[in-house]
Amino acid sequence: MRAHLRTCPEAHEEFAELGAVLPILAQTVELVEPPAGLKGRILAAAAEDLAARRSATATDHARGTGSPTAIAFPTASERAERDVRRASRSAPLGWVLRVAAVLAVVGLAGWNVLLQGQLGQARSYERDVAAVLEVASQTGSLTAILRPDGGSGTGLAAVDRAGNVTLAMRDLAPTRGDQVYTAWVIGSDGTPVPLGSFKVGEGRTAFFVAPRLPTESGITLALTLEPGPGAIEPTLPIISKGEARSA
């Protein structure tokens, strides 16, 4: 401060006034000696504060780095109870999963049976058609494509030169009870002549062979659904029909 006052351009008159008071204080204020125990009390308080700080630091260190509290291993009975609780919680879900698995297996089995059935029916119809085509490939044979007359039922037929017809049909409604499908031939005179009857199962296909047909080109082959075998006149409507022509 004295160095500042020596170099500062300002007067700082306040310091001059304070300096003038100091000699008066020195002469008028009586100096008092401090109590004899003051120093000891100050040092004791400082030591106590230091000890408290060290104790707190040691406690925090022990909390942070001390060994973890050991956890007791569950007894056999406790483990058994825990397993029972887990089983009771998982039982409904396990039951649902088992039922779903059974249904899936049954569904796959049913689907497999359905596919096998459809495949078997398709192969059976292929064999029937192959038999018809074999007859149709013979010299002097007639071939007819049967189409439904407003319903369902398509097929292929061939008549060899001896008058034997081979017929393969598909998409026919299954017969019920005594019902039968009856095949007819209509010659140039327009009179339907029954050739024979057959039943149709859930596969909706049929294979039919009959003799004694006319062998001239232009005859009509027809199919009707009859209430029973032995019909001598067709029951309308005609299910399917086609005209036989030379191959």
C-alpha atoms as a PDB file:
ATOM      1  CA  MET A   1       0.000   0.000   0.000  1.00  0.00           C
ATOM      2  CA  ARG A   2       2.816   2.387   0.787  1.00  0.00           C
ATOM      3  CA  ALA A   3       4.338   1.751  -2.639  1.00  0.00           C
ATOM      4  CA  HIS A   4       0.967   2.492  -4.224  1.00  0.00           C
ATOM      5  CA  LEU A   5       0.607   5.716  -2.302  1.00  0.00           C
ATOM      6  CA  ARG A   6       4.077   6.837  -3.356  1.00  0.00           C
ATOM      7  CA  THR A   7       3.344   6.377  -7.078  1.00  0.00           C
ATOM      8  CA  CYS A   8      -0.392   7.111  -7.232  1.00  0.00           C
ATOM      9  CA  PRO A   9      -1.174  10.565  -8.716  1.00  0.00           C
ATOM     10  CA  GLU A  10      -4.263  10.920  -6.481  1.00  0.00           C
ATOM     11  CA  ALA A  11      -3.966  12.640  -3.118  1.00  0.00           C
ATOM     12  CA  HIS A  12      -5.775   9.965  -1.013  1.00  0.00           C
ATOM     13  CA  GLU A  13      -6.581  12.475   1.704  1.00  0.00           C
ATOM     14  CA  GLU A  14      -8.638   9.810   3.615  1.00  0.00           C
ATOM     15  CA  PHE A  15      -5.462   7.917   4.413  1.00  0.00           C
ATOM     16  CA  ALA A  16      -3.915  11.049   5.794  1.00  0.00           C
ATOM     17  CA  GLU A  17      -6.919  11.573   8.067  1.00  0.00           C
ATOM     18  CA  LEU A  18      -6.799   7.941   9.319  1.00  0.00           C
ATOM     19  CA  GLY A  19      -3.098   8.207   9.899  1.00  0.00           C
ATOM     20  CA  ALA A  20      -3.648  11.216  12.094  1.00  0.00           C
ATOM     21  CA  VAL A  21      -5.974   9.169  14.350  1.00  0.00           C
ATOM     22  CA  LEU A  22      -3.516   6.321  15.025  1.00  0.00           C
ATOM     23  CA  PRO A  23      -1.274   8.252  17.478  1.00  0.00           C
ATOM     24  CA  ILE A  24      -4.329   9.237  19.469  1.00  0.00           C
ATOM     25  CA  LEU A  25      -5.553   5.572  19.676  1.00  0.00           C
ATOM     26  CA  ALA A  26      -2.158   4.427  20.806  1.00  0.00           C
ATOM     27  CA  GLN A  27      -2.227   6.884  23.651  1.00  0.00           C
ATOM     28  CA  THR A  28      -5.871   6.568  24.717  1.00  0.00           C
ATOM     29  CA  VAL A  29      -6.740   2.794  24.314  1.00  0.00           C
ATOM     30  CA  GLU A  30      -5.375   0.549  27.064  1.00  0.00           C
ATOM     31  CA  LEU A  31      -3.735  -2.628  25.817  1.00  0.00           C
ATOM     32  CA  VAL A  32      -5.300  -5.823  27.297  1.00  0.00           C
ATOM     33  CA  GLU A  33      -3.455  -9.145  27.566  1.00  0.00           C
ATOM     34  CA  PRO A  34      -5.406 -12.214  26.205  1.00  0.00           C
ATOM     35  CA  PRO A  35      -6.572 -14.844  28.750  1.00  0.00           C
ATOM     36  CA  ALA A  36      -4.000 -17.489  29.523  1.00  0.00           C
ATOM     37  CA  GLY A  37      -6.241 -20.431  28.368  1.00  0.00           C
ATOM     38  CA  LEU A  38      -7.349 -18.888  25.063  1.00  0.00           C
ATOM     39  CA  LYS A  39      -4.512 -20.390  23.052  1.00  0.00           C
ATOM     40  CA  GLY A  40      -5.122 -23.877  24.482  1.00  0.00           C
ATOM     41  CA  ARG A  41      -8.839 -23.752  23.720  1.00  0.00           C
ATOM     42  CA  ILE A  42      -8.192 -22.690  20.120  1.00  0.00           C
ATOM     43  CA  LEU A  43      -5.666 -25.493  19.559  1.00  0.00           C
ATOM     44  CA  ALA A  44      -7.979 -28.077  21.181  1.00  0.00           C
ATOM     45  CA  ALA A  45     -10.896 -27.033  18.965  1.00  0.00           C
ATOM     46  CA  ALA A  46      -8.701 -27.267  15.873  1.00  0.00           C
ATOM     47  CA  ALA A  47      -7.479 -30.743  16.869  1.00  0.00           C
ATOM     48  CA  GLU A  48     -11.040 -31.951  17.513  1.00  0.00           C
ATOM     49  CA  ASP A  49     -12.196 -30.690  14.105  1.00  0.00           C
ATOM     50  CA  LEU A  50      -9.275 -32.419  12.368  1.00  0.00           C
ATOM     51  CA  ALA A  51     -10.020 -35.713  14.122  1.00  0.00           C
ATOM     52  CA  ALA A  52     -13.677 -35.526  13.108  1.00  0.00           C
ATOM     53  CA  ARG A  53     -12.738 -34.975   9.474  1.00  0.00           C
ATOM     54  CA  ARG A  54     -10.372 -37.974   9.465  1.00  0.00           C
ATOM     55  CA  SER A  55     -13.029 -40.225  11.045  1.00  0.00           C
ATOM     56  CA  ALA A  56     -15.614 -39.276   8.434  1.00  0.00           C
ATOM     57  CA  THR A  57     -13.157 -39.971   5.604  1.00  0.00           C
ATOM     58  CA  ALA A  58     -12.288 -43.404   7.034  1.00  0.00           C
ATOM     59  CA  THR A  59     -15.981 -44.317   7.362  1.00  0.00           C
ATOM     60  CA  ASP A  60     -16.715 -43.361   3.755  1.00  0.00           C
ATOM     61  CA  HIS A  61     -13.737 -45.383   2.571  1.00  0.00           C
ATOM     62  CA  ALA A  62     -14.873 -48.418   4.545  1.00  0.00           C
ATOM     63  CA  ARG A  63     -18.359 -48.189   3.057  1.00  0.00           C
ATOM     64  CA  GLY A  64     -17.009 -48.015  -0.480  1.00  0.00           C
ATOM     65  CA  THR A  65     -14.381 -50.773  -0.286  1.00  0.00           C
ATOM     66  CA  GLY A  66     -15.677 -53.091   2.408  1.00  0.00           C
ATOM     67  CA  SER A  67     -16.549 -56.750   1.778  1.00  0.00           C
ATOM     68  CA  PRO A  68     -20.117 -57.396   0.541  1.00  0.00           C
ATOM     69  CA  THR A  69     -22.619 -58.918   2.884  1.00  0.00           C
ATOM     70  CA  ALA A  70     -22.876 -62.666   2.365  1.00  0.00           C
ATOM     71  CA  ILE A  71     -26.245 -63.975   1.099  1.00  0.00           C
ATOM     72  CA  ALA A  72     -27.366 -67.246   2.553  1.00  0.00           C
ATOM     73  CA  PHE A  73     -27.872 -70.105   0.024  1.00  0.00           C
ATOM     74  CA  PRO A  74     -31.514 -71.262  -0.021  1.00  0.00           C
ATOM     75  CA  THR A  75     -32.263 -74.483   1.771  1.00  0.00           C
ATOM     76  CA  ALA A  76     -33.739 -77.566   0.098  1.00  0.00           C
ATOM     77  CA  SER A  77     -37.245 -76.734   1.292  1.00  0.00           C
ATOM     78  CA  GLU A  78     -36.926 -73.156   0.060  1.00  0.00           C
ATOM     79  CA  ARG A  79     -35.766 -74.389  -3.343  1.00  0.00           C
ATOM     80  CA  ALA A  80     -38.674 -76.838  -3.491  1.00  0.00           C
ATOM     81  CA  GLU A  81     -41.175 -74.081  -2.694  1.00  0.00           C
ATOM     82  CA  ARG A  82     -39.622 -71.888  -5.364  1.00  0.00           C
ATOM     83  CA  ASP A  83     -39.915 -74.703  -7.948  1.00  0.00           C
ATOM     84  CA  VAL A  84     -43.587 -75.203  -7.016  1.00  0.00           C
ATOM     85  CA  ARG A  85     -44.288 -71.495  -7.494  1.00  0.00           C
ATOM     86  CA  ARG A  86     -42.565 -71.503 -10.867  1.00  0.00           C
ATOM     87  CA  ALA A  87     -44.458 -74.605 -11.964  1.00  0.00           C
ATOM     88  CA  SER A  88     -47.788 -73.091 -10.929  1.00  0.00           C
ATOM     89  CA  ARG A  89     -47.040 -69.950 -12.914  1.00  0.00           C
ATOM     90  CA  SER A  90     -45.905 -71.826 -16.030  1.00  0.00           C
ATOM     91  CA  ALA A  91     -48.580 -74.557 -15.906  1.00  0.00           C
ATOM     92  CA  PRO A  92     -51.315 -72.639 -17.820  1.00  0.00           C
ATOM     93  CA  LEU A  93     -48.894 -71.560 -20.531  1.00  0.00           C
ATOM     94  CA  GLY A  94     -47.469 -75.053 -20.833  1.00  0.00           C
ATOM     95  CA  TRP A  95     -50.966 -76.507 -21.116  1.00  0.00           C
ATOM     96  CA  VAL A  96     -51.866 -74.039 -23.856  1.00  0.00           C
ATOM     97  CA  LEU A  97     -48.666 -74.830 -25.741  1.00  0.00           C
ATOM     98  CA  ARG A  98     -49.296 -78.559 -25.492  1.00  0.00           C
ATOM     99  CA  VAL A  99     -52.853 -78.166 -26.768  1.00  0.00           C
ATOM    100  CA  ALA A 100     -51.624 -75.941 -29.602  1.00  0.00           C
ATOM    101  CA  ALA A 101     -48.994 -78.528 -30.505  1.00  0.00           C
ATOM    102  CA  VAL A 102     -51.598 -81.308 -30.567  1.00  0.00           C
ATOM    103  CA  LEU A 103     -53.927 -79.215 -32.729  1.00  0.00           C
ATOM    104  CA  ALA A 104     -51.067 -78.387 -35.071  1.00  0.00           C
ATOM    105  CA  VAL A 105     -50.169 -82.063 -35.417  1.00  0.00           C
ATOM    106  CA  VAL A 106     -53.802 -83.026 -35.988  1.00  0.00           C
ATOM    107  CA  GLY A 107     -54.222 -80.184 -38.478  1.00  0.00           C
ATOM    108  CA  LEU A 108     -51.096 -81.198 -40.376  1.00  0.00           C
ATOM    109  CA  ALA A 109     -52.189 -84.820 -40.360  1.00  0.00           C
ATOM    110  CA  GLY A 110     -55.636 -83.866 -41.671  1.00  0.00           C
ATOM    111  CA  TRP A 111     -54.107 -81.629 -44.316  1.00  0.00           C
ATOM    112  CA  ASN A 112     -51.729 -84.415 -45.316  1.00  0.00           C
ATOM    113  CA  VAL A 113     -54.615 -86.874 -45.603  1.00  0.00           C
ATOM    114  CA  LEU A 114     -56.551 -84.355 -47.695  1.00  0.00           C
ATOM    115  CA  LEU A 115     -53.604 -83.768 -50.004  1.00  0.00           C
ATOM    116  CA  GLN A 116     -52.955 -87.488 -50.295  1.00  0.00           C
ATOM    117  CA  GLY A 117     -56.621 -88.037 -51.141  1.00  0.00           C
ATOM    118  CA  GLN A 118     -56.613 -85.309 -53.755  1.00  0.00           C
ATOM    119  CA  LEU A 119     -53.366 -86.620 -55.203  1.00  0.00           C
ATOM    120  CA  GLY A 120     -54.785 -90.137 -55.316  1.00  0.00           C
ATOM    121  CA  GLN A 121     -57.922 -88.918 -57.066  1.00  0.00           C
ATOM    122  CA  ALA A 122     -55.881 -86.964 -59.594  1.00  0.00           C
ATOM    123  CA  ARG A 123     -53.712 -89.992 -60.334  1.00  0.00           C
ATOM    124  CA  SER A 124     -56.785 -92.208 -60.653  1.00  0.00           C
ATOM    125  CA  TYR A 125     -58.360 -89.820 -63.147  1.00  0.00           C
ATOM    126  CA  GLU A 126     -55.086 -89.654 -65.080  1.00  0.00           C
ATOM    127  CA  ARG A 127     -55.094 -93.450 -65.392  1.00  0.00           C
ATOM    128  CA  ASP A 128     -58.721 -93.368 -66.546  1.00  0.00           C
ATOM    129  CA  VAL A 129     -57.951 -90.744 -69.187  1.00  0.00           C
ATOM    130  CA  ALA A 130     -54.918 -92.738 -70.322  1.00  0.00           C
ATOM    131  CA  ALA A 131     -57.177 -95.752 -70.842  1.00  0.00           C
ATOM    132  CA  VAL A 132     -59.583 -93.654 -72.932  1.00  0.00           C
ATOM    133  CA  LEU A 133     -56.740 -92.218 -75.025  1.00  0.00           C
ATOM    134  CA  GLU A 134     -55.409 -95.684 -75.679  1.00  0.00           C
ATOM    135  CA  VAL A 135     -58.772 -96.674 -77.171  1.00  0.00           C
ATOM    136  CA  ALA A 136     -59.012 -93.386 -79.068  1.00  0.00           C
ATOM    137  CA  SER A 137     -55.646 -94.037 -80.697  1.00  0.00           C
ATOM    138  CA  GLN A 138     -56.905 -97.229 -82.306  1.00  0.00           C
ATOM    139  CA  THR A 139     -57.892 -97.281 -85.957  1.00  0.00           C
ATOM    140  CA  GLY A 140     -61.614 -96.754 -86.579  1.00  0.00           C
ATOM    141  CA  SER A 141     -62.383 -95.461 -83.090  1.00  0.00           C
ATOM    142  CA  LEU A 142     -64.691 -92.586 -82.159  1.00  0.00           C
ATOM    143  CA  THR A 143     -63.906 -89.873 -79.620  1.00  0.00           C
ATOM    144  CA  ALA A 144     -66.313 -87.678 -77.626  1.00  0.00           C
ATOM    145  CA  ILE A 145     -65.748 -84.855 -75.180  1.00  0.00           C
ATOM    146  CA  LEU A 146     -68.579 -84.681 -72.632  1.00  0.00           C
ATOM    147  CA  ARG A 147     -69.449 -81.258 -71.266  1.00  0.00           C
ATOM    148  CA  PRO A 148     -71.944 -80.318 -68.537  1.00  0.00           C
ATOM    149  CA  ASP A 149     -75.372 -79.127 -69.566  1.00  0.00           C
ATOM    150  CA  GLY A 150     -75.722 -76.245 -67.093  1.00  0.00           C
ATOM    151  CA  GLY A 151     -74.207 -78.154 -64.152  1.00  0.00           C
ATOM    152  CA  SER A 152     -70.939 -79.926 -63.453  1.00  0.00           C
ATOM    153  CA  GLY A 153     -69.306 -83.034 -64.860  1.00  0.00           C
ATOM    154  CA  THR A 154     -66.831 -83.195 -67.703  1.00  0.00           C
ATOM    155  CA  GLY A 155     -65.276 -86.221 -69.329  1.00  0.00           C
ATOM    156  CA  LEU A 156     -63.733 -87.993 -72.248  1.00  0.00           C
ATOM    157  CA  ALA A 157     -65.007 -91.101 -74.045  1.00  0.00           C
ATOM    158  CA  ALA A 158     -63.778 -93.347 -76.825  1.00  0.00           C
ATOM    159  CA  VAL A 159     -65.615 -96.060 -78.781  1.00  0.00           C
ATOM    160  CA  ASP A 160     -63.532 -98.689 -80.531  1.00  0.00           C
ATOM    161  CA  ARG A 161     -64.557-100.224 -83.853  1.00  0.00           C
ATOM    162  CA  ALA A 162     -66.125-103.163 -82.004  1.00  0.00           C
ATOM    163  CA  GLY A 163     -68.603-100.853 -80.255  1.00  0.00           C
ATOM    164  CA  ASN A 164     -67.006-100.865 -76.781  1.00  0.00           C
ATOM    165  CA  VAL A 165     -67.074 -97.498 -74.988  1.00  0.00           C
ATOM    166  CA  THR A 166     -64.539 -96.360 -72.393  1.00  0.00           C
ATOM    167  CA  LEU A 167     -65.577 -93.307 -70.346  1.00  0.00           C
ATOM    168  CA  ALA A 168     -63.660 -91.164 -67.810  1.00  0.00           C
ATOM    169  CA  MET A 169     -65.580 -88.489 -65.871  1.00  0.00           C
ATOM    170  CA  ARG A 170     -64.734 -85.931 -63.205  1.00  0.00           C
ATOM    171  CA  ASP A 171     -66.414 -83.165 -61.169  1.00  0.00           C
ATOM    172  CA  LEU A 172     -69.566 -85.221 -60.706  1.00  0.00           C
ATOM    173  CA  ALA A 173     -71.689 -84.719 -57.587  1.00  0.00           C
ATOM    174  CA  PRO A 174     -71.432 -87.749 -55.270  1.00  0.00           C
ATOM    175  CA  THR A 175     -74.426 -90.091 -55.396  1.00  0.00           C
ATOM    176  CA  ARG A 176     -76.637 -90.542 -52.309  1.00  0.00           C
ATOM    177  CA  GLY A 177     -78.583 -93.624 -51.295  1.00  0.00           C
ATOM    178  CA  ASP A 178     -79.816 -95.558 -54.338  1.00  0.00           C
ATOM    179  CA  GLN A 179     -78.873 -92.831 -56.792  1.00  0.00           C
ATOM    180  CA  VAL A 180     -76.783 -93.805 -59.817  1.00  0.00           C
ATOM    181  CA  TYR A 181     -75.421 -92.149 -62.918  1.00  0.00           C
ATOM    182  CA  THR A 182     -76.656 -93.792 -66.123  1.00  0.00           C
ATOM    183  CA  ALA A 183     -74.831 -93.559 -69.446  1.00  0.00           C
ATOM    184  CA  TRP A 184     -76.898 -93.317 -72.649  1.00  0.00           C
ATOM    185  CA  VAL A 185     -76.205 -93.514 -76.342  1.00  0.00           C
ATOM    186  CA  ILE A 186     -78.447 -91.704 -78.828  1.00  0.00           C
ATOM    187  CA  GLY A 187     -78.113 -92.893 -82.399  1.00  0.00           C
ATOM    188  CA  SER A 188     -79.386 -91.510 -85.650  1.00  0.00           C
ATOM    189  CA  ASP A 189     -82.981 -92.456 -84.742  1.00  0.00           C
ATOM    190  CA  GLY A 190     -82.861 -90.138 -81.678  1.00  0.00           C
ATOM    191  CA  THR A 191     -83.826 -92.831 -79.173  1.00  0.00           C
ATOM    192  CA  PRO A 192     -81.789 -92.942 -75.932  1.00  0.00           C
ATOM    193  CA  VAL A 193     -80.469 -96.423 -75.134  1.00  0.00           C
ATOM    194  CA  PRO A 194     -79.141 -97.118 -71.631  1.00  0.00           C
ATOM    195  CA  LEU A 195     -75.588 -98.452 -71.467  1.00  0.00           C
ATOM    196  CA  GLY A 196     -75.283 -99.052 -67.724  1.00  0.00           C
ATOM    197  CA  SER A 197     -75.043 -97.283 -64.371  1.00  0.00           C
ATOM    198  CA  PHE A 198     -72.376 -96.422 -61.790  1.00  0.00           C
ATOM    199  CA  LYS A 199     -72.029 -94.634 -58.468  1.00  0.00           C
ATOM    200  CA  VAL A 200     -69.752 -91.697 -57.654  1.00  0.00           C
ATOM    201  CA  GLY A 201     -67.980 -91.183 -54.343  1.00  0.00           C
ATOM    202  CA  GLU A 202     -66.461 -88.154 -52.657  1.00  0.00           C
ATOM    203  CA  GLY A 203     -63.647 -88.198 -55.188  1.00  0.00           C
ATOM    204  CA  ARG A 204     -66.191 -87.014 -57.801  1.00  0.00           C
ATOM    205  CA  THR A 205     -64.590 -89.115 -60.572  1.00  0.00           C
ATOM    206  CA  ALA A 206     -65.835 -92.196 -62.441  1.00  0.00           C
ATOM    207  CA  PHE A 207     -64.585 -94.765 -64.927  1.00  0.00           C
ATOM    208  CA  PHE A 208     -67.088 -96.701 -67.015  1.00  0.00           C
ATOM    209  CA  VAL A 209     -66.858 -99.364 -69.727  1.00  0.00           C
ATOM    210  CA  ALA A 210     -69.785-100.794 -71.751  1.00  0.00           C
ATOM    211  CA  PRO A 211     -70.260-102.810 -74.970  1.00  0.00           C
ATOM    212  CA  ARG A 212     -72.712-102.882 -77.878  1.00  0.00           C
ATOM    213  CA  LEU A 213     -72.634 -99.299 -79.066  1.00  0.00           C
ATOM    214  CA  PRO A 214     -73.282 -98.114 -82.609  1.00  0.00           C
ATOM    215  CA  THR A 215     -70.019 -97.351 -84.343  1.00  0.00           C
ATOM    216  CA  GLU A 216     -71.153 -94.707 -86.815  1.00  0.00           C
ATOM    217  CA  SER A 217     -69.792 -91.180 -86.395  1.00  0.00           C
ATOM    218  CA  GLY A 218     -72.190 -88.613 -84.955  1.00  0.00           C
ATOM    219  CA  ILE A 219     -73.715 -90.648 -82.134  1.00  0.00           C
ATOM    220  CA  THR A 220     -74.306 -88.794 -78.850  1.00  0.00           C
ATOM    221  CA  LEU A 221     -73.132 -89.998 -75.447  1.00  0.00           C
ATOM    222  CA  ALA A 222     -75.089 -88.606 -72.485  1.00  0.00           C
ATOM    223  CA  LEU A 223     -75.141 -88.932 -68.694  1.00  0.00           C
ATOM    224  CA  THR A 224     -78.109 -88.572 -66.323  1.00  0.00           C
ATOM    225  CA  LEU A 225     -78.606 -88.888 -62.555  1.00  0.00           C
ATOM    226  CA  GLU A 226     -81.257 -91.519 -61.803  1.00  0.00           C
ATOM    227  CA  PRO A 227     -83.026 -92.316 -58.498  1.00  0.00           C
ATOM    228  CA  GLY A 228     -81.947 -95.945 -58.877  1.00  0.00           C
ATOM    229  CA  PRO A 229     -80.543 -98.469 -61.357  1.00  0.00           C
ATOM    230  CA  GLY A 230     -82.581 -99.963 -64.195  1.00  0.00           C
ATOM    231  CA  ALA A 231     -83.882 -96.776 -65.835  1.00  0.00           C
ATOM    232  CA  ILE A 232     -85.225 -97.292 -69.377  1.00  0.00           C
ATOM    233  CA  GLU A 233     -85.780 -93.593 -70.055  1.00  0.00           C
ATOM    234  CA  PRO A 234     -83.457 -90.746 -69.015  1.00  0.00           C
ATOM    235  CA  THR A 235     -84.475 -88.507 -66.117  1.00  0.00           C
ATOM    236  CA  LEU A 236     -83.930 -84.905 -67.083  1.00  0.00           C
ATOM    237  CA  PRO A 237     -81.924 -82.799 -66.914  1.00  0.00           C
ATOM    238  CA  ILE A 238     -79.012 -84.317 -68.782  1.00  0.00           C
ATOM    239  CA  ILE A 239     -75.886 -83.930 -66.632  1.00  0.00           C
ATOM    240  CA  SER A 240     -73.289 -84.079 -69.410  1.00  0.00           C
ATOM    241  CA  LYS A 241     -73.157 -85.033 -73.112  1.00  0.00           C
ATOM    242  CA  GLY A 242     -70.931 -85.054 -76.165  1.00  0.00           C
ATOM    243  CA  GLU A 243     -70.959 -86.130 -79.821  1.00  0.00           C
ATOM    244  CA  ALA A 244     -68.654 -88.956 -80.859  1.00  0.00           C
ATOM    245  CA  ARG A 245     -66.627 -88.344 -83.988  1.00  0.00           C
ATOM    246  CA  SER A 246     -63.928 -90.199 -85.836  1.00  0.00           C
ATOM    247  CA  ALA A 247     -60.506 -89.609 -84.319  1.00  0.00           C
END
